[in-house]
C-alpha atoms as a PDB file:
ATOM      1  CA  UNK A   1      27.518 -26.498   7.698  1.00  0.00           C
ATOM      2  CA  UNK A   2      30.036 -23.665   7.989  1.00  0.00           C
ATOM      3  CA  UNK A   3      32.523 -25.901   9.740  1.00  0.00           C
ATOM      4  CA  UNK A   4      32.416 -28.374   6.837  1.00  0.00           C
ATOM      5  CA  UNK A   5      33.092 -25.654   4.244  1.00  0.00           C
ATOM      6  CA  UNK A   6      35.998 -24.314   6.250  1.00  0.00           C
ATOM      7  CA  UNK A   7      37.656 -27.677   6.822  1.00  0.00           C
ATOM      8  CA  UNK A   8      40.858 -28.449   4.956  1.00  0.00           C
ATOM      9  CA  UNK A   9      39.519 -31.839   3.896  1.00  0.00           C
ATOM     10  CA  UNK A  10      36.537 -30.215   2.155  1.00  0.00           C
ATOM     11  CA  UNK A  11      38.767 -27.641   0.451  1.00  0.00           C
ATOM     12  CA  UNK A  12      41.152 -30.301  -0.810  1.00  0.00           C
ATOM     13  CA  UNK A  13      38.211 -32.401  -2.084  1.00  0.00           C
ATOM     14  CA  UNK A  14      36.807 -29.419  -4.003  1.00  0.00           C
ATOM     15  CA  UNK A  15      40.246 -28.665  -5.483  1.00  0.00           C
ATOM     16  CA  UNK A  16      40.688 -32.285  -6.554  1.00  0.00           C
ATOM     17  CA  UNK A  17      37.241 -32.471  -8.189  1.00  0.00           C
ATOM     18  CA  UNK A  18      37.794 -29.162  -9.973  1.00  0.00           C
ATOM     19  CA  UNK A  19      41.190 -30.335 -11.172  1.00  0.00           C
ATOM     20  CA  UNK A  20      39.741 -33.594 -12.536  1.00  0.00           C
ATOM     21  CA  UNK A  21      36.913 -31.758 -14.271  1.00  0.00           C
ATOM     22  CA  UNK A  22      39.364 -29.261 -15.762  1.00  0.00           C
ATOM     23  CA  UNK A  23      41.654 -32.041 -17.075  1.00  0.00           C
ATOM     24  CA  UNK A  24      38.666 -33.896 -18.549  1.00  0.00           C
ATOM     25  CA  UNK A  25      37.400 -30.768 -20.327  1.00  0.00           C
ATOM     26  CA  UNK A  26      40.903 -29.926 -21.495  1.00  0.00           C
ATOM     27  CA  UNK A  27      41.227 -33.343 -23.176  1.00  0.00           C
ATOM     28  CA  UNK A  28      37.937 -32.811 -24.995  1.00  0.00           C
ATOM     29  CA  UNK A  29      38.936 -29.419 -26.370  1.00  0.00           C
ATOM     30  CA  UNK A  30      40.213 -29.162 -29.929  1.00  0.00           C
ATOM     31  CA  UNK A  31      42.786 -26.852 -31.363  1.00  0.00           C
ATOM     32  CA  UNK A  32      42.996 -25.104 -34.707  1.00  0.00           C
ATOM     33  CA  UNK A  33      45.734 -27.502 -35.797  1.00  0.00           C
ATOM     34  CA  UNK A  34      43.134 -30.101 -36.702  1.00  0.00           C
ATOM     35  CA  UNK A  35      41.087 -27.699 -38.855  1.00  0.00           C
ATOM     36  CA  UNK A  36      41.616 -27.701 -42.609  1.00  0.00           C
ATOM     37  CA  UNK A  37      42.651 -24.560 -44.429  1.00  0.00           C
ATOM     38  CA  UNK A  38      40.344 -22.280 -46.308  1.00  0.00           C
ATOM     39  CA  UNK A  39      38.089 -24.014 -48.789  1.00  0.00           C
ATOM     40  CA  UNK A  40      38.185 -21.073 -51.190  1.00  0.00           C
ATOM     41  CA  UNK A  41      41.519 -21.033 -52.990  1.00  0.00           C
ATOM     42  CA  UNK A  42      41.139 -17.411 -54.136  1.00  0.00           C
ATOM     43  CA  UNK A  43      40.036 -15.989 -50.788  1.00  0.00           C
ATOM     44  CA  UNK A  44      43.077 -13.756 -50.377  1.00  0.00           C
ATOM     45  CA  UNK A  45      44.000 -13.349 -54.017  1.00  0.00           C
ATOM     46  CA  UNK A  46      44.229 -10.028 -55.772  1.00  0.00           C
ATOM     47  CA  UNK A  47      40.713  -9.006 -56.792  1.00  0.00           C
ATOM     48  CA  UNK A  48      41.522  -7.993 -60.381  1.00  0.00           C
ATOM     49  CA  UNK A  49      41.503 -10.371 -63.338  1.00  0.00           C
ATOM     50  CA  UNK A  50      44.710 -10.924 -65.248  1.00  0.00           C
ATOM     51  CA  UNK A  51      44.903  -9.990 -68.936  1.00  0.00           C
ATOM     52  CA  UNK A  52      45.104 -13.658 -69.860  1.00  0.00           C
ATOM     53  CA  UNK A  53      41.913 -14.494 -67.939  1.00  0.00           C
ATOM     54  CA  UNK A  54      40.111 -11.503 -69.432  1.00  0.00           C
ATOM     55  CA  UNK A  55      41.067 -12.606 -72.951  1.00  0.00           C
ATOM     56  CA  UNK A  56      39.952 -16.158 -72.207  1.00  0.00           C
ATOM     57  CA  UNK A  57      36.598 -14.973 -70.848  1.00  0.00           C
ATOM     58  CA  UNK A  58      36.107 -12.654 -73.825  1.00  0.00           C
ATOM     59  CA  UNK A  59      36.868 -15.511 -76.198  1.00  0.00           C
ATOM     60  CA  UNK A  60      34.455 -17.907 -74.460  1.00  0.00           C
ATOM     61  CA  UNK A  61      31.543 -15.518 -74.051  1.00  0.00           C
ATOM     62  CA  UNK A  62      31.907 -13.349 -77.133  1.00  0.00           C
ATOM     63  CA  UNK A  63      31.659 -10.178 -75.020  1.00  0.00           C
ATOM     64  CA  UNK A  64      34.345  -7.566 -74.384  1.00  0.00           C
ATOM     65  CA  UNK A  65      35.340  -6.018 -71.063  1.00  0.00           C
ATOM     66  CA  UNK A  66      34.630  -2.291 -70.779  1.00  0.00           C
ATOM     67  CA  UNK A  67      36.617   0.058 -68.572  1.00  0.00           C
ATOM     68  CA  UNK A  68      33.977   1.786 -66.480  1.00  0.00           C
ATOM     69  CA  UNK A  69      36.230   3.734 -64.177  1.00  0.00           C
ATOM     70  CA  UNK A  70      34.792   6.892 -62.633  1.00  0.00           C
ATOM     71  CA  UNK A  71      37.028   9.945 -62.665  1.00  0.00           C
ATOM     72  CA  UNK A  72      37.238  12.499 -59.857  1.00  0.00           C
ATOM     73  CA  UNK A  73      35.333  14.999 -61.962  1.00  0.00           C
ATOM     74  CA  UNK A  74      32.542  12.492 -62.509  1.00  0.00           C
ATOM     75  CA  UNK A  75      32.379  11.733 -58.779  1.00  0.00           C
ATOM     76  CA  UNK A  76      32.192  15.430 -57.946  1.00  0.00           C
ATOM     77  CA  UNK A  77      29.370  15.898 -60.467  1.00  0.00           C
ATOM     78  CA  UNK A  78      27.518  12.914 -58.960  1.00  0.00           C
ATOM     79  CA  UNK A  79      27.897  14.393 -55.453  1.00  0.00           C
ATOM     80  CA  UNK A  80      26.549  17.742 -56.631  1.00  0.00           C
ATOM     81  CA  UNK A  81      23.524  16.109 -58.273  1.00  0.00           C
ATOM     82  CA  UNK A  82      22.784  14.015 -55.179  1.00  0.00           C
ATOM     83  CA  UNK A  83      22.987  17.093 -52.942  1.00  0.00           C
ATOM     84  CA  UNK A  84      20.617  18.986 -55.247  1.00  0.00           C
ATOM     85  CA  UNK A  85      18.132  16.117 -55.256  1.00  0.00           C
ATOM     86  CA  UNK A  86      18.219  15.677 -51.465  1.00  0.00           C
ATOM     87  CA  UNK A  87      17.862  19.425 -51.037  1.00  0.00           C
ATOM     88  CA  UNK A  88      14.803  19.442 -53.327  1.00  0.00           C
ATOM     89  CA  UNK A  89      13.232  16.565 -51.402  1.00  0.00           C
ATOM     90  CA  UNK A  90      13.772  18.289 -48.049  1.00  0.00           C
ATOM     91  CA  UNK A  91      12.399  21.568 -49.455  1.00  0.00           C
ATOM     92  CA  UNK A  92       9.292  19.772 -50.731  1.00  0.00           C
ATOM     93  CA  UNK A  93       8.763  18.144 -47.343  1.00  0.00           C
ATOM     94  CA  UNK A  94       9.154  21.517 -45.610  1.00  0.00           C
ATOM     95  CA  UNK A  95       6.647  23.170 -47.993  1.00  0.00           C
ATOM     96  CA  UNK A  96       4.097  20.395 -47.510  1.00  0.00           C
ATOM     97  CA  UNK A  97       4.511  20.457 -43.745  1.00  0.00           C
ATOM     98  CA  UNK A  98       4.072  24.214 -43.515  1.00  0.00           C
ATOM     99  CA  UNK A  99       1.031  24.100 -45.818  1.00  0.00           C
ATOM    100  CA  UNK A 100      -0.662  21.610 -43.468  1.00  0.00           C
ATOM    101  CA  UNK A 101      -0.740  24.245 -40.797  1.00  0.00           C
ATOM    102  CA  UNK A 102       1.154  21.993 -38.409  1.00  0.00           C
ATOM    103  CA  UNK A 103       3.581  23.375 -35.889  1.00  0.00           C
END
């Protein structure tokens, strides 16, 4: 069996079959050129609404847009409150655990 695998005829046959298989698979492959573009027209558009669109929406719905921006001071206050709450939770857990007598 080793002599067959080492023969030049066998090697050339394997190369030819691999080449044919590769060409056949290559013909079946598709490229991105045949794929349509994005189906969402606003996929890469700026996220904000224009003033005209906001006015139109307000007119249609009867509601007004509200600016709900959070300032740096508000964010800092929120962080402080969250830290306090987490600290209280951890303290309560520690007190309960130590009262159980566990180690």
